[in-house]
PDB file of N, CA and C in Angstrom:
ATOM      1  N   MET A   1       1.048  -1.007   0.187  1.00  0.00           N
ATOM      2  CA  MET A   1      -0.019  -0.343  -0.072  1.00  0.00           C
ATOM      3  C   MET A   1       0.960   1.350  -0.040  1.00  0.00           C
ATOM      4  N   LYS A   2       2.250   1.307   0.795  1.00  0.00           N
ATOM      5  CA  LYS A   2       2.873   2.416   0.734  1.00  0.00           C
ATOM      6  C   LYS A   2       3.691   2.859  -0.340  1.00  0.00           C
ATOM      7  N   THR A   3       3.627   1.437  -0.816  1.00  0.00           N
ATOM      8  CA  THR A   3       4.321   1.624  -2.567  1.00  0.00           C
ATOM      9  C   THR A   3       3.750   2.326  -3.190  1.00  0.00           C
ATOM     10  N   ARG A   4       2.315   2.154  -3.290  1.00  0.00           N
ATOM     11  CA  ARG A   4       1.429   2.537  -3.970  1.00  0.00           C
ATOM     12  C   ARG A   4       1.504   3.972  -4.258  1.00  0.00           C
ATOM     13  N   TYR A   5       1.267   4.909  -2.994  1.00  0.00           N
ATOM     14  CA  TYR A   5       1.389   6.092  -2.395  1.00  0.00           C
ATOM     15  C   TYR A   5       2.671   6.778  -2.646  1.00  0.00           C
ATOM     16  N   LEU A   6       3.713   6.070  -2.439  1.00  0.00           N
ATOM     17  CA  LEU A   6       5.374   6.675  -2.884  1.00  0.00           C
ATOM     18  C   LEU A   6       5.390   6.967  -4.402  1.00  0.00           C
ATOM     19  N   ILE A   7       4.456   5.861  -5.233  1.00  0.00           N
ATOM     20  CA  ILE A   7       4.686   5.995  -7.116  1.00  0.00           C
ATOM     21  C   ILE A   7       3.949   7.081  -7.202  1.00  0.00           C
ATOM     22  N   ALA A   8       2.443   7.360  -6.996  1.00  0.00           N
ATOM     23  CA  ALA A   8       1.589   8.526  -6.784  1.00  0.00           C
ATOM     24  C   ALA A   8       2.409   9.741  -6.430  1.00  0.00           C
ATOM     25  N   VAL A   9       3.489   9.960  -5.723  1.00  0.00           N
ATOM     26  CA  VAL A   9       3.634  10.913  -4.869  1.00  0.00           C
ATOM     27  C   VAL A   9       4.888  11.232  -5.925  1.00  0.00           C
ATOM     28  N   ILE A  10       5.466  10.298  -6.168  1.00  0.00           N
ATOM     29  CA  ILE A  10       6.704  10.607  -7.513  1.00  0.00           C
ATOM     30  C   ILE A  10       5.915  11.547  -8.472  1.00  0.00           C
ATOM     31  N   ALA A  11       5.225  10.762  -8.914  1.00  0.00           N
ATOM     32  CA  ALA A  11       4.518  10.833 -10.214  1.00  0.00           C
ATOM     33  C   ALA A  11       3.989  12.092 -10.390  1.00  0.00           C
ATOM     34  N   ALA A  12       3.081  12.988  -9.347  1.00  0.00           N
ATOM     35  CA  ALA A  12       2.576  14.022  -9.153  1.00  0.00           C
ATOM     36  C   ALA A  12       3.888  15.146  -9.447  1.00  0.00           C
ATOM     37  N   LEU A  13       5.252  14.944  -8.174  1.00  0.00           N
ATOM     38  CA  LEU A  13       5.827  15.790  -8.418  1.00  0.00           C
ATOM     39  C   LEU A  13       6.612  15.925  -9.399  1.00  0.00           C
ATOM     40  N   SER A  14       6.737  14.592 -10.289  1.00  0.00           N
ATOM     41  CA  SER A  14       7.446  14.619 -11.836  1.00  0.00           C
ATOM     42  C   SER A  14       6.723  16.206 -12.908  1.00  0.00           C
ATOM     43  N   VAL A  15       5.009  15.629 -12.588  1.00  0.00           N
ATOM     44  CA  VAL A  15       4.592  16.672 -13.467  1.00  0.00           C
ATOM     45  C   VAL A  15       4.391  18.194 -12.886  1.00  0.00           C
ATOM     46  N   SER A  16       4.639  18.075 -11.520  1.00  0.00           N
ATOM     47  CA  SER A  16       4.689  19.357 -10.994  1.00  0.00           C
ATOM     48  C   SER A  16       6.002  20.353 -11.701  1.00  0.00           C
ATOM     49  N   ALA A  17       7.049  19.111 -11.514  1.00  0.00           N
ATOM     50  CA  ALA A  17       8.350  19.792 -12.069  1.00  0.00           C
ATOM     51  C   ALA A  17       8.365  20.372 -13.444  1.00  0.00           C
ATOM     52  N   SER A  18       7.353  19.321 -14.405  1.00  0.00           N
ATOM     53  CA  SER A  18       7.726  20.270 -15.977  1.00  0.00           C
ATOM     54  C   SER A  18       6.584  20.975 -15.776  1.00  0.00           C
ATOM     55  N   ALA A  19       5.057  21.367 -15.020  1.00  0.00           N
ATOM     56  CA  ALA A  19       4.830  22.751 -15.112  1.00  0.00           C
ATOM     57  C   ALA A  19       5.877  23.909 -14.618  1.00  0.00           C
ATOM     58  N   PHE A  20       6.303  23.656 -13.331  1.00  0.00           N
ATOM     59  CA  PHE A  20       7.497  24.696 -12.719  1.00  0.00           C
ATOM     60  C   PHE A  20       8.038  25.044 -13.880  1.00  0.00           C
ATOM     61  N   ALA A  21       9.106  24.016 -14.794  1.00  0.00           N
ATOM     62  CA  ALA A  21      10.112  23.979 -15.608  1.00  0.00           C
ATOM     63  C   ALA A  21       9.630  24.940 -17.111  1.00  0.00           C
ATOM     64  N   ALA A  22       8.331  24.995 -17.146  1.00  0.00           N
ATOM     65  CA  ALA A  22       7.781  25.624 -18.315  1.00  0.00           C
ATOM     66  C   ALA A  22       7.435  26.930 -17.709  1.00  0.00           C
ATOM     67  N   ALA A  23       6.631  27.222 -16.596  1.00  0.00           N
ATOM     68  CA  ALA A  23       6.768  28.761 -16.243  1.00  0.00           C
ATOM     69  C   ALA A  23       7.817  29.460 -15.911  1.00  0.00           C
ATOM     70  N   ASP A  24       9.217  28.394 -15.253  1.00  0.00           N
ATOM     71  CA  ASP A  24      10.713  29.178 -15.383  1.00  0.00           C
ATOM     72  C   ASP A  24      11.135  29.587 -16.970  1.00  0.00           C
ATOM     73  N   GLY A  25      10.609  28.461 -17.622  1.00  0.00           N
ATOM     74  CA  GLY A  25      11.232  28.782 -19.132  1.00  0.00           C
ATOM     75  C   GLY A  25      10.689  30.092 -19.507  1.00  0.00           C
ATOM     76  N   GLU A  26       9.112  30.738 -19.658  1.00  0.00           N
ATOM     77  CA  GLU A  26       8.651  31.817 -20.253  1.00  0.00           C
ATOM     78  C   GLU A  26       9.118  32.709 -19.151  1.00  0.00           C
ATOM     79  N   ALA A  27       9.199  32.557 -17.692  1.00  0.00           N
ATOM     80  CA  ALA A  27       9.531  33.820 -17.029  1.00  0.00           C
ATOM     81  C   ALA A  27      10.932  33.842 -17.584  1.00  0.00           C
ATOM     82  N   LEU A  28      12.077  33.090 -17.408  1.00  0.00           N
ATOM     83  CA  LEU A  28      13.726  33.647 -17.700  1.00  0.00           C
ATOM     84  C   LEU A  28      13.615  34.007 -19.437  1.00  0.00           C
ATOM     85  N   PHE A  29      12.641  33.952 -20.422  1.00  0.00           N
ATOM     86  CA  PHE A  29      12.615  34.388 -21.542  1.00  0.00           C
ATOM     87  C   PHE A  29      11.977  35.960 -21.381  1.00  0.00           C
ATOM     88  N   LYS A  30      11.297  36.053 -20.716  1.00  0.00           N
ATOM     89  CA  LYS A  30      10.846  37.056 -20.302  1.00  0.00           C
ATOM     90  C   LYS A  30      11.655  38.452 -19.773  1.00  0.00           C
ATOM     91  N   SER A  31      12.176  37.743 -18.507  1.00  0.00           N
ATOM     92  CA  SER A  31      12.939  38.567 -17.908  1.00  0.00           C
ATOM     93  C   SER A  31      14.490  38.715 -18.389  1.00  0.00           C
ATOM     94  N   LYS A  32      15.038  38.109 -19.340  1.00  0.00           N
ATOM     95  CA  LYS A  32      16.231  37.861 -19.870  1.00  0.00           C
ATOM     96  C   LYS A  32      16.219  39.159 -21.059  1.00  0.00           C
ATOM     97  N   ASN A  33      14.885  39.044 -21.388  1.00  0.00           N
ATOM     98  CA  ASN A  33      15.024  40.187 -22.749  1.00  0.00           C
ATOM     99  C   ASN A  33      14.983  39.557 -24.304  1.00  0.00           C
ATOM    100  N   CYS A  34      14.597  37.797 -23.671  1.00  0.00           N
ATOM    101  CA  CYS A  34      14.723  37.401 -25.325  1.00  0.00           C
ATOM    102  C   CYS A  34      13.319  38.234 -25.778  1.00  0.00           C
ATOM    103  N   ASN A  35      12.392  38.164 -25.343  1.00  0.00           N
ATOM    104  CA  ASN A  35      10.877  38.619 -25.635  1.00  0.00           C
ATOM    105  C   ASN A  35      11.264  40.153 -26.656  1.00  0.00           C
ATOM    106  N   VAL A  36      12.322  40.747 -26.704  1.00  0.00           N
ATOM    107  CA  VAL A  36      12.416  42.287 -27.358  1.00  0.00           C
ATOM    108  C   VAL A  36      12.307  41.495 -28.583  1.00  0.00           C
ATOM    109  N   CYS A  37      13.561  40.620 -29.073  1.00  0.00           N
ATOM    110  CA  CYS A  37      13.510  40.263 -30.942  1.00  0.00           C
ATOM    111  C   CYS A  37      12.784  38.891 -30.947  1.00  0.00           C
ATOM    112  N   HIS A  38      12.217  38.293 -30.339  1.00  0.00           N
ATOM    113  CA  HIS A  38      11.592  37.385 -30.349  1.00  0.00           C
ATOM    114  C   HIS A  38       9.841  36.772 -30.155  1.00  0.00           C
ATOM    115  N   LYS A  39       9.193  36.742 -30.668  1.00  0.00           N
ATOM    116  CA  LYS A  39       7.627  36.461 -30.542  1.00  0.00           C
ATOM    117  C   LYS A  39       7.320  35.272 -30.620  1.00  0.00           C
ATOM    118  N   LEU A  40       6.490  34.886 -30.032  1.00  0.00           N
ATOM    119  CA  LEU A  40       5.502  33.134 -30.222  1.00  0.00           C
ATOM    120  C   LEU A  40       5.107  33.281 -31.556  1.00  0.00           C
ATOM    121  N   ASP A  41       4.606  33.577 -32.607  1.00  0.00           N
ATOM    122  CA  ASP A  41       3.630  33.240 -33.767  1.00  0.00           C
ATOM    123  C   ASP A  41       4.505  34.325 -34.858  1.00  0.00           C
ATOM    124  N   SER A  42       5.278  35.035 -34.570  1.00  0.00           N
ATOM    125  CA  SER A  42       5.735  36.447 -36.464  1.00  0.00           C
ATOM    126  C   SER A  42       7.294  36.584 -35.910  1.00  0.00           C
ATOM    127  N   LYS A  43       7.500  36.531 -37.184  1.00  0.00           N
ATOM    128  CA  LYS A  43       9.040  36.775 -36.940  1.00  0.00           C
ATOM    129  C   LYS A  43       9.220  38.637 -36.879  1.00  0.00           C
ATOM    130  N   THR A  44      10.119  39.334 -35.770  1.00  0.00           N
ATOM    131  CA  THR A  44      10.886  40.517 -35.642  1.00  0.00           C
ATOM    132  C   THR A  44      11.620  40.830 -35.968  1.00  0.00           C
ATOM    133  N   VAL A  45      12.621  40.883 -35.085  1.00  0.00           N
ATOM    134  CA  VAL A  45      14.120  41.493 -35.498  1.00  0.00           C
ATOM    135  C   VAL A  45      14.423  39.380 -35.976  1.00  0.00           C
ATOM    136  N   GLY A  46      13.990  38.754 -34.826  1.00  0.00           N
ATOM    137  CA  GLY A  46      14.305  37.287 -34.858  1.00  0.00           C
ATOM    138  C   GLY A  46      13.440  36.690 -35.281  1.00  0.00           C
ATOM    139  N   PRO A  47      13.525  35.147 -35.262  1.00  0.00           N
ATOM    140  CA  PRO A  47      12.735  34.264 -36.133  1.00  0.00           C
ATOM    141  C   PRO A  47      11.462  34.041 -34.871  1.00  0.00           C
ATOM    142  N   ALA A  48      10.142  33.651 -35.349  1.00  0.00           N
ATOM    143  CA  ALA A  48       9.000  33.396 -34.383  1.00  0.00           C
ATOM    144  C   ALA A  48       9.484  32.109 -33.868  1.00  0.00           C
ATOM    145  N   LEU A  49       9.071  31.888 -32.458  1.00  0.00           N
ATOM    146  CA  LEU A  49       9.453  30.936 -31.623  1.00  0.00           C
ATOM    147  C   LEU A  49       8.713  29.605 -32.286  1.00  0.00           C
ATOM    148  N   LYS A  50       7.658  29.589 -32.785  1.00  0.00           N
ATOM    149  CA  LYS A  50       7.208  28.220 -32.949  1.00  0.00           C
ATOM    150  C   LYS A  50       7.877  28.094 -34.228  1.00  0.00           C
ATOM    151  N   ALA A  51       8.684  29.014 -35.327  1.00  0.00           N
ATOM    152  CA  ALA A  51       9.469  28.665 -36.367  1.00  0.00           C
ATOM    153  C   ALA A  51      10.657  27.766 -35.986  1.00  0.00           C
ATOM    154  N   ILE A  52      11.529  28.238 -34.781  1.00  0.00           N
ATOM    155  CA  ILE A  52      12.719  27.543 -33.941  1.00  0.00           C
ATOM    156  C   ILE A  52      12.186  26.297 -33.900  1.00  0.00           C
ATOM    157  N   SER A  53      11.188  26.255 -33.306  1.00  0.00           N
ATOM    158  CA  SER A  53      10.499  25.032 -32.898  1.00  0.00           C
ATOM    159  C   SER A  53      10.049  23.495 -33.597  1.00  0.00           C
ATOM    160  N   ALA A  54       9.826  24.587 -34.890  1.00  0.00           N
ATOM    161  CA  ALA A  54       9.639  23.388 -36.076  1.00  0.00           C
ATOM    162  C   ALA A  54      10.547  23.092 -36.722  1.00  0.00           C
ATOM    163  N   LYS A  55      11.868  24.345 -36.682  1.00  0.00           N
ATOM    164  CA  LYS A  55      12.983  23.447 -37.414  1.00  0.00           C
ATOM    165  C   LYS A  55      13.884  22.542 -36.870  1.00  0.00           C
ATOM    166  N   TYR A  56      13.880  22.614 -35.651  1.00  0.00           N
ATOM    167  CA  TYR A  56      14.629  21.454 -34.580  1.00  0.00           C
ATOM    168  C   TYR A  56      13.754  20.646 -34.263  1.00  0.00           C
ATOM    169  N   VAL A  57      12.504  20.384 -35.084  1.00  0.00           N
ATOM    170  CA  VAL A  57      11.847  19.134 -33.716  1.00  0.00           C
ATOM    171  C   VAL A  57      12.387  17.715 -34.050  1.00  0.00           C
ATOM    172  N   THR A  58      12.887  17.707 -35.209  1.00  0.00           N
ATOM    173  CA  THR A  58      13.876  15.922 -35.092  1.00  0.00           C
ATOM    174  C   THR A  58      15.131  15.953 -34.865  1.00  0.00           C
ATOM    175  N   ASP A  59      15.864  17.014 -34.512  1.00  0.00           N
ATOM    176  CA  ASP A  59      17.047  17.634 -34.081  1.00  0.00           C
ATOM    177  C   ASP A  59      17.579  17.071 -32.766  1.00  0.00           C
ATOM    178  N   LYS A  60      17.892  15.758 -32.293  1.00  0.00           N
ATOM    179  CA  LYS A  60      18.244  15.266 -30.829  1.00  0.00           C
ATOM    180  C   LYS A  60      19.158  16.494 -30.608  1.00  0.00           C
ATOM    181  N   GLU A  61      20.347  17.008 -31.139  1.00  0.00           N
ATOM    182  CA  GLU A  61      21.160  17.931 -31.124  1.00  0.00           C
ATOM    183  C   GLU A  61      20.814  19.240 -30.701  1.00  0.00           C
ATOM    184  N   ALA A  62      19.822  19.493 -30.955  1.00  0.00           N
ATOM    185  CA  ALA A  62      19.066  21.203 -30.732  1.00  0.00           C
ATOM    186  C   ALA A  62      19.265  21.646 -29.725  1.00  0.00           C
ATOM    187  N   PRO A  63      18.637  21.064 -28.682  1.00  0.00           N
ATOM    188  CA  PRO A  63      18.895  21.852 -27.113  1.00  0.00           C
ATOM    189  C   PRO A  63      20.500  22.308 -26.937  1.00  0.00           C
ATOM    190  N   ALA A  64      21.603  21.435 -27.608  1.00  0.00           N
ATOM    191  CA  ALA A  64      22.879  21.742 -26.755  1.00  0.00           C
ATOM    192  C   ALA A  64      23.220  22.789 -27.901  1.00  0.00           C
ATOM    193  N   ARG A  65      23.437  22.630 -29.466  1.00  0.00           N
ATOM    194  CA  ARG A  65      23.582  23.802 -30.001  1.00  0.00           C
ATOM    195  C   ARG A  65      22.864  24.740 -30.200  1.00  0.00           C
ATOM    196  N   LEU A  66      21.731  24.928 -29.399  1.00  0.00           N
ATOM    197  CA  LEU A  66      20.735  26.417 -29.335  1.00  0.00           C
ATOM    198  C   LEU A  66      21.500  26.726 -28.677  1.00  0.00           C
ATOM    199  N   ALA A  67      21.618  26.083 -27.295  1.00  0.00           N
ATOM    200  CA  ALA A  67      22.192  26.593 -25.913  1.00  0.00           C
ATOM    201  C   ALA A  67      23.566  27.426 -26.163  1.00  0.00           C
ATOM    202  N   ALA A  68      24.244  26.351 -26.710  1.00  0.00           N
ATOM    203  CA  ALA A  68      25.723  27.494 -27.029  1.00  0.00           C
ATOM    204  C   ALA A  68      25.088  28.578 -28.539  1.00  0.00           C
ATOM    205  N   LYS A  69      24.702  28.404 -29.132  1.00  0.00           N
ATOM    206  CA  LYS A  69      24.419  29.939 -30.122  1.00  0.00           C
ATOM    207  C   LYS A  69      23.751  31.153 -29.178  1.00  0.00           C
ATOM    208  N   VAL A  70      23.005  30.382 -28.193  1.00  0.00           N
ATOM    209  CA  VAL A  70      22.741  31.568 -27.457  1.00  0.00           C
ATOM    210  C   VAL A  70      23.487  32.022 -26.893  1.00  0.00           C
ATOM    211  N   ARG A  71      24.484  31.446 -25.772  1.00  0.00           N
ATOM    212  CA  ARG A  71      25.603  31.652 -25.277  1.00  0.00           C
ATOM    213  C   ARG A  71      26.755  32.810 -25.998  1.00  0.00           C
ATOM    214  N   ALA A  72      26.855  32.408 -26.908  1.00  0.00           N
ATOM    215  CA  ALA A  72      27.666  32.940 -28.100  1.00  0.00           C
ATOM    216  C   ALA A  72      27.169  33.869 -29.042  1.00  0.00           C
ATOM    217  N   GLY A  73      25.950  33.805 -29.228  1.00  0.00           N
ATOM    218  CA  GLY A  73      25.483  34.817 -30.474  1.00  0.00           C
ATOM    219  C   GLY A  73      26.102  34.022 -31.738  1.00  0.00           C
ATOM    220  N   GLY A  74      25.514  34.457 -32.617  1.00  0.00           N
ATOM    221  CA  GLY A  74      25.805  34.089 -33.884  1.00  0.00           C
ATOM    222  C   GLY A  74      24.686  34.876 -35.343  1.00  0.00           C
ATOM    223  N   VAL A  75      25.169  34.308 -36.554  1.00  0.00           N
ATOM    224  CA  VAL A  75      24.500  34.918 -37.365  1.00  0.00           C
ATOM    225  C   VAL A  75      24.408  33.932 -38.533  1.00  0.00           C
ATOM    226  N   GLY A  76      23.480  33.911 -39.357  1.00  0.00           N
ATOM    227  CA  GLY A  76      23.462  33.514 -40.691  1.00  0.00           C
ATOM    228  C   GLY A  76      22.331  32.135 -40.784  1.00  0.00           C
ATOM    229  N   VAL A  77      22.022  31.747 -39.552  1.00  0.00           N
ATOM    230  CA  VAL A  77      20.621  31.009 -39.655  1.00  0.00           C
ATOM    231  C   VAL A  77      19.309  31.136 -40.233  1.00  0.00           C
ATOM    232  N   TRP A  78      19.342  32.519 -39.530  1.00  0.00           N
ATOM    233  CA  TRP A  78      17.785  33.119 -40.053  1.00  0.00           C
ATOM    234  C   TRP A  78      17.327  34.573 -40.584  1.00  0.00           C
ATOM    235  N   GLY A  79      18.781  34.676 -41.314  1.00  0.00           N
ATOM    236  CA  GLY A  79      19.053  35.727 -41.750  1.00  0.00           C
ATOM    237  C   GLY A  79      20.532  36.764 -41.880  1.00  0.00           C
ATOM    238  N   SER A  80      20.275  37.837 -42.018  1.00  0.00           N
ATOM    239  CA  SER A  80      21.876  38.645 -41.697  1.00  0.00           C
ATOM    240  C   SER A  80      22.049  38.842 -40.733  1.00  0.00           C
ATOM    241  N   ILE A  81      20.783  39.364 -39.954  1.00  0.00           N
ATOM    242  CA  ILE A  81      21.068  40.342 -38.775  1.00  0.00           C
ATOM    243  C   ILE A  81      21.450  39.065 -37.430  1.00  0.00           C
ATOM    244  N   ALA A  82      22.110  39.711 -36.851  1.00  0.00           N
ATOM    245  CA  ALA A  82      23.330  38.804 -35.901  1.00  0.00           C
ATOM    246  C   ALA A  82      22.269  38.550 -34.290  1.00  0.00           C
ATOM    247  N   MET A  83      22.336  37.883 -33.169  1.00  0.00           N
ATOM    248  CA  MET A  83      22.062  37.687 -32.170  1.00  0.00           C
ATOM    249  C   MET A  83      23.147  38.033 -31.355  1.00  0.00           C
ATOM    250  N   PRO A  84      22.885  38.878 -30.462  1.00  0.00           N
ATOM    251  CA  PRO A  84      23.949  39.176 -30.004  1.00  0.00           C
ATOM    252  C   PRO A  84      23.916  37.693 -28.816  1.00  0.00           C
ATOM    253  N   LYS A  85      25.570  37.810 -28.243  1.00  0.00           N
ATOM    254  CA  LYS A  85      25.745  36.673 -27.077  1.00  0.00           C
ATOM    255  C   LYS A  85      24.925  37.403 -26.152  1.00  0.00           C
ATOM    256  N   ALA A  86      24.689  35.961 -25.312  1.00  0.00           N
ATOM    257  CA  ALA A  86      23.923  36.352 -23.768  1.00  0.00           C
ATOM    258  C   ALA A  86      24.809  36.671 -23.067  1.00  0.00           C
ATOM    259  N   ALA A  87      24.405  37.772 -22.256  1.00  0.00           N
ATOM    260  CA  ALA A  87      24.904  38.653 -20.912  1.00  0.00           C
ATOM    261  C   ALA A  87      25.383  37.660 -19.943  1.00  0.00           C
ATOM    262  N   SER A  88      26.891  38.067 -19.828  1.00  0.00           N
ATOM    263  CA  SER A  88      27.479  37.151 -18.511  1.00  0.00           C
ATOM    264  C   SER A  88      26.798  36.627 -17.305  1.00  0.00           C
ATOM    265  N   SER A  89      25.777  37.767 -17.208  1.00  0.00           N
ATOM    266  CA  SER A  89      24.498  37.103 -15.984  1.00  0.00           C
ATOM    267  C   SER A  89      23.805  36.340 -16.208  1.00  0.00           C
ATOM    268  N   VAL A  90      23.787  35.800 -17.400  1.00  0.00           N
ATOM    269  CA  VAL A  90      22.865  34.500 -17.740  1.00  0.00           C
ATOM    270  C   VAL A  90      23.763  33.495 -17.676  1.00  0.00           C
ATOM    271  N   SER A  91      22.945  32.812 -17.161  1.00  0.00           N
ATOM    272  CA  SER A  91      24.041  31.405 -16.498  1.00  0.00           C
ATOM    273  C   SER A  91      23.460  30.180 -17.442  1.00  0.00           C
ATOM    274  N   ASP A  92      24.055  29.230 -17.656  1.00  0.00           N
ATOM    275  CA  ASP A  92      24.427  28.270 -18.404  1.00  0.00           C
ATOM    276  C   ASP A  92      22.983  27.586 -18.575  1.00  0.00           C
ATOM    277  N   GLU A  93      22.758  27.263 -16.981  1.00  0.00           N
ATOM    278  CA  GLU A  93      21.415  26.531 -16.400  1.00  0.00           C
ATOM    279  C   GLU A  93      20.112  27.421 -17.041  1.00  0.00           C
ATOM    280  N   GLU A  94      20.448  28.628 -16.953  1.00  0.00           N
ATOM    281  CA  GLU A  94      18.924  29.671 -17.147  1.00  0.00           C
ATOM    282  C   GLU A  94      18.449  29.525 -18.713  1.00  0.00           C
ATOM    283  N   ILE A  95      19.882  29.237 -19.912  1.00  0.00           N
ATOM    284  CA  ILE A  95      19.913  29.460 -20.858  1.00  0.00           C
ATOM    285  C   ILE A  95      19.409  28.212 -21.267  1.00  0.00           C
ATOM    286  N   LYS A  96      19.340  26.888 -20.516  1.00  0.00           N
ATOM    287  CA  LYS A  96      19.412  25.636 -21.044  1.00  0.00           C
ATOM    288  C   LYS A  96      17.793  25.755 -20.771  1.00  0.00           C
ATOM    289  N   THR A  97      17.163  26.128 -19.841  1.00  0.00           N
ATOM    290  CA  THR A  97      15.897  26.248 -19.143  1.00  0.00           C
ATOM    291  C   THR A  97      15.053  26.962 -20.498  1.00  0.00           C
ATOM    292  N   ILE A  98      15.540  28.426 -20.842  1.00  0.00           N
ATOM    293  CA  ILE A  98      14.857  28.684 -22.259  1.00  0.00           C
ATOM    294  C   ILE A  98      14.504  28.421 -23.391  1.00  0.00           C
ATOM    295  N   VAL A  99      15.929  27.460 -23.415  1.00  0.00           N
ATOM    296  CA  VAL A  99      16.097  26.699 -25.158  1.00  0.00           C
ATOM    297  C   VAL A  99      15.389  25.788 -25.059  1.00  0.00           C
ATOM    298  N   GLU A 100      15.307  24.939 -23.933  1.00  0.00           N
ATOM    299  CA  GLU A 100      13.720  23.684 -23.671  1.00  0.00           C
ATOM    300  C   GLU A 100      12.565  24.494 -23.804  1.00  0.00           C
ATOM    301  N   TRP A 101      12.546  25.265 -23.325  1.00  0.00           N
ATOM    302  CA  TRP A 101      10.993  25.764 -23.400  1.00  0.00           C
ATOM    303  C   TRP A 101      10.791  26.257 -24.757  1.00  0.00           C
ATOM    304  N   ILE A 102      11.852  26.944 -25.304  1.00  0.00           N
ATOM    305  CA  ILE A 102      11.603  27.696 -26.945  1.00  0.00           C
ATOM    306  C   ILE A 102      11.010  26.482 -27.768  1.00  0.00           C
ATOM    307  N   LEU A 103      11.353  25.029 -27.788  1.00  0.00           N
ATOM    308  CA  LEU A 103      11.796  23.836 -28.597  1.00  0.00           C
ATOM    309  C   LEU A 103      10.376  23.432 -28.140  1.00  0.00           C
ATOM    310  N   ALA A 104      10.057  23.876 -27.247  1.00  0.00           N
ATOM    311  CA  ALA A 104       8.278  23.040 -26.427  1.00  0.00           C
ATOM    312  C   ALA A 104       7.420  24.135 -27.028  1.00  0.00           C
ATOM    313  N   ARG A 105       7.930  24.753 -27.774  1.00  0.00           N
ATOM    314  CA  ARG A 105       6.681  25.929 -28.470  1.00  0.00           C
ATOM    315  C   ARG A 105       6.139  24.976 -29.777  1.00  0.00           C
ATOM    316  N   LYS A 106       4.804  24.639 -29.746  1.00  0.00           N
ATOM    317  CA  LYS A 106       4.139  24.292 -31.028  1.00  0.00           C
ATOM    318  C   LYS A 106       3.227  24.680 -31.565  1.00  0.00           C
TER     319      LYS A 106
END
């Protein structure tokens, strides 16, 4: 009986952790000013989040590559406007959370 309760609690915490991670991703996306150049459905200065997610949907290496791109900045994948590198105040863990949140946009 106790085992069932333990499994139920673990399952509930797993779902809650995913929900919190999604909320953290969106909050970080906004607080780190990513939303200045990126919108969910439309291209502005940078590509739309849904376009990014669609482009990398089958790419298993995308999270690591995109995190590296956010850290270092870059140009050429989505046009000629350069994306600046992430500020040194943005941690690698925060970048990872933001990238995972972006890749989950459908």
